[in-house]
């Protein structure tokens, strides 16, 4: 029962935190990293659930969903790493590259939070 409660709370927190205001691309990328961490925590907790089909399991995870979560989380992390490198590089200060890096990071995080937001307890 505690698992269900925690998973529901974590999903709600991730759903609320996707569009954080930022005054600079760097702030936006770091905010996106924070949202990613929350969504990744939800994904990891879902993955830790026993697989569906196990006898006498009330809450379970589907292997196909776990695989998708891992792939999207890995891709999102790579995009965030690239965005961080871009906004930290003085050569890109004030350029559209920083804005594009932020947009890519936000889109990647939104993709992961969209998936974690639709996880259903089976």
Protein backbone atom coordinates (compact mmCIF):
# COMPACT_ATOMS: atom_id res chain seq x y z
CA UNK A 1 0.00 0.00 0.00
CA UNK A 2 2.91 2.34 0.74
CA UNK A 3 4.26 1.67 -2.76
CA UNK A 4 1.00 2.70 -4.39
CA UNK A 5 0.83 5.88 -2.32
CA UNK A 6 4.45 6.86 -3.04
CA UNK A 7 4.15 6.12 -6.76
CA UNK A 8 0.98 8.23 -6.98
CA UNK A 9 2.66 11.15 -5.16
CA UNK A 10 5.78 10.93 -7.33
CA UNK A 11 3.71 10.90 -10.52
CA UNK A 12 1.79 13.95 -9.37
CA UNK A 13 4.99 15.86 -8.58
CA UNK A 14 6.50 15.07 -11.98
CA UNK A 15 3.34 16.15 -13.78
CA UNK A 16 3.37 19.53 -12.00
CA UNK A 17 7.00 20.42 -12.64
CA UNK A 18 7.44 20.26 -16.42
CA UNK A 19 7.35 23.96 -17.35
CA UNK A 20 9.49 25.91 -14.94
CA UNK A 21 10.19 29.58 -15.76
CA UNK A 22 13.82 30.47 -16.39
CA UNK A 23 15.47 33.78 -17.14
CA UNK A 24 18.49 32.29 -18.90
CA UNK A 25 19.01 29.16 -20.99
CA UNK A 26 21.40 27.85 -18.32
CA UNK A 27 18.74 28.18 -15.62
CA UNK A 28 16.26 26.44 -17.89
CA UNK A 29 18.61 23.54 -18.55
CA UNK A 30 19.35 23.10 -14.84
CA UNK A 31 15.62 23.26 -14.04
CA UNK A 32 15.01 20.62 -16.72
CA UNK A 33 17.70 18.46 -15.09
CA UNK A 34 15.78 18.69 -11.80
CA UNK A 35 12.52 17.66 -13.44
CA UNK A 36 14.38 14.81 -15.16
CA UNK A 37 15.65 13.60 -11.80
CA UNK A 38 12.11 13.45 -10.45
CA UNK A 39 10.81 11.60 -13.51
CA UNK A 40 13.77 9.23 -13.39
CA UNK A 41 12.97 8.44 -9.76
CA UNK A 42 9.41 7.52 -10.76
CA UNK A 43 10.71 5.37 -13.62
CA UNK A 44 13.16 3.58 -11.31
CA UNK A 45 10.46 2.92 -8.73
CA UNK A 46 8.18 1.54 -11.46
CA UNK A 47 11.01 -0.69 -12.68
CA UNK A 48 11.53 -1.98 -9.13
CA UNK A 49 7.95 -3.25 -8.95
CA UNK A 50 7.52 -6.99 -9.46
CA UNK A 51 6.73 -7.91 -13.06
CA UNK A 52 3.09 -8.37 -13.99
CA UNK A 53 2.01 -11.98 -14.10
CA UNK A 54 3.78 -12.87 -10.88
CA UNK A 55 1.30 -14.65 -8.61
CA UNK A 56 -0.38 -12.58 -5.89
CA UNK A 57 1.05 -9.22 -7.03
CA UNK A 58 -1.18 -6.20 -6.46
CA UNK A 59 1.09 -3.61 -8.10
CA UNK A 60 3.34 -4.63 -10.99
CA UNK A 61 5.44 -3.36 -13.90
CA UNK A 62 5.27 -4.31 -17.57
CA UNK A 63 8.64 -5.27 -19.12
CA UNK A 64 7.90 -3.40 -22.37
CA UNK A 65 7.17 -0.21 -20.43
CA UNK A 66 10.35 -0.62 -18.39
CA UNK A 67 12.37 -0.99 -21.61
CA UNK A 68 10.77 2.13 -23.08
CA UNK A 69 11.41 4.08 -19.88
CA UNK A 70 15.09 3.06 -19.92
CA UNK A 71 15.51 4.07 -23.56
CA UNK A 72 13.80 7.44 -23.14
CA UNK A 73 15.66 8.15 -19.88
CA UNK A 74 19.02 7.39 -21.52
CA UNK A 75 18.21 9.63 -24.50
CA UNK A 76 16.97 12.41 -22.23
CA UNK A 77 20.12 12.24 -20.14
CA UNK A 78 22.27 12.52 -23.28
CA UNK A 79 20.30 15.57 -24.47
CA UNK A 80 20.61 17.19 -21.04
CA UNK A 81 24.36 16.54 -20.94
CA UNK A 82 24.72 18.16 -24.35
CA UNK A 83 22.55 21.12 -23.35
CA UNK A 84 24.56 21.63 -20.16
CA UNK A 85 27.79 21.61 -22.13
CA UNK A 86 26.35 24.16 -24.54
CA UNK A 87 25.06 26.63 -21.94
CA UNK A 88 28.29 26.37 -19.93
CA UNK A 89 30.48 27.08 -22.98
CA UNK A 90 31.31 30.81 -23.16
CA UNK A 91 31.56 30.55 -26.94
CA UNK A 92 27.76 30.04 -27.08
CA UNK A 93 26.85 32.81 -24.62
CA UNK A 94 24.05 34.92 -26.03
CA UNK A 95 23.72 32.80 -29.16
CA UNK A 96 20.74 30.90 -30.48
CA UNK A 97 22.63 27.66 -29.77
CA UNK A 98 21.88 28.04 -26.07
CA UNK A 99 18.19 28.64 -26.77
CA UNK A 100 18.05 25.60 -29.06
CA UNK A 101 19.84 23.47 -26.47
CA UNK A 102 17.31 24.54 -23.85
CA UNK A 103 14.39 23.76 -26.17
CA UNK A 104 15.80 20.29 -26.91
CA UNK A 105 16.36 19.61 -23.21
CA UNK A 106 12.84 20.69 -22.30
CA UNK A 107 11.32 18.58 -25.09
CA UNK A 108 13.29 15.51 -24.00
CA UNK A 109 12.26 15.94 -20.37
CA UNK A 110 8.64 16.48 -21.38
CA UNK A 111 8.73 13.20 -23.33
CA UNK A 112 9.92 11.32 -20.24
CA UNK A 113 7.45 13.01 -17.91
CA UNK A 114 4.64 12.28 -20.37
CA UNK A 115 5.44 8.59 -20.11
CA UNK A 116 5.87 8.57 -16.33
CA UNK A 117 2.66 10.56 -16.02
CA UNK A 118 0.68 7.84 -17.77
CA UNK A 119 2.03 4.86 -15.82
CA UNK A 120 -0.85 2.76 -14.66
CA UNK A 121 -0.81 0.54 -11.66
CA UNK A 122 -1.91 -2.91 -12.74
